[in-house]
């Protein structure tokens, strides 16, 4: 496993800039990353 300093980082505001939701493609599945009203992140299939 790589050291955490080498891992890429993205700020949530970059990922969720288009309406508070992002779609993430993983293999042949699409996941939704959403920002809740309480400021939490939810990842769903």
Protein backbone atom coordinates (compact mmCIF):
# COMPACT_ATOMS: atom_id res chain seq x y z
CA UNK A 1 0.00 0.00 0.00
CA UNK A 2 1.23 3.50 -0.82
CA UNK A 3 1.86 6.13 1.81
CA UNK A 4 -1.11 8.47 2.27
CA UNK A 5 0.97 11.45 1.07
CA UNK A 6 1.13 9.80 -2.37
CA UNK A 7 -2.61 9.18 -2.73
CA UNK A 8 -4.63 11.60 -4.87
CA UNK A 9 -7.00 13.97 -3.07
CA UNK A 10 -10.06 15.83 -4.27
CA UNK A 11 -12.03 18.40 -2.34
CA UNK A 12 -15.70 17.49 -2.02
CA UNK A 13 -16.73 20.86 -3.46
CA UNK A 14 -14.91 19.94 -6.69
CA UNK A 15 -16.70 16.59 -6.97
CA UNK A 16 -20.11 17.95 -6.00
CA UNK A 17 -19.93 21.28 -7.86
CA UNK A 18 -22.80 20.35 -10.19
CA UNK A 19 -25.84 20.29 -7.94
CA UNK A 20 -24.46 18.52 -4.87
CA UNK A 21 -24.15 15.14 -6.57
CA UNK A 22 -21.49 13.24 -8.51
CA UNK A 23 -21.65 9.97 -10.41
CA UNK A 24 -18.72 7.61 -10.05
CA UNK A 25 -18.11 4.80 -12.52
CA UNK A 26 -16.61 1.68 -10.90
CA UNK A 27 -16.25 -1.21 -13.33
CA UNK A 28 -19.66 -1.49 -14.97
CA UNK A 29 -21.52 0.04 -12.00
CA UNK A 30 -22.47 3.69 -11.47
CA UNK A 31 -22.50 5.05 -7.93
CA UNK A 32 -23.97 8.34 -6.70
CA UNK A 33 -22.11 10.52 -4.23
CA UNK A 34 -24.54 12.98 -2.63
CA UNK A 35 -24.31 15.76 -0.09
CA UNK A 36 -27.07 15.64 2.54
CA UNK A 37 -28.84 18.62 4.10
CA UNK A 38 -26.71 18.06 7.22
CA UNK A 39 -23.47 18.24 5.22
CA UNK A 40 -22.75 14.49 5.25
CA UNK A 41 -21.71 12.42 2.24
CA UNK A 42 -23.69 9.39 1.07
CA UNK A 43 -22.46 6.91 -1.54
CA UNK A 44 -25.18 4.73 -3.09
CA UNK A 45 -25.36 2.25 -5.92
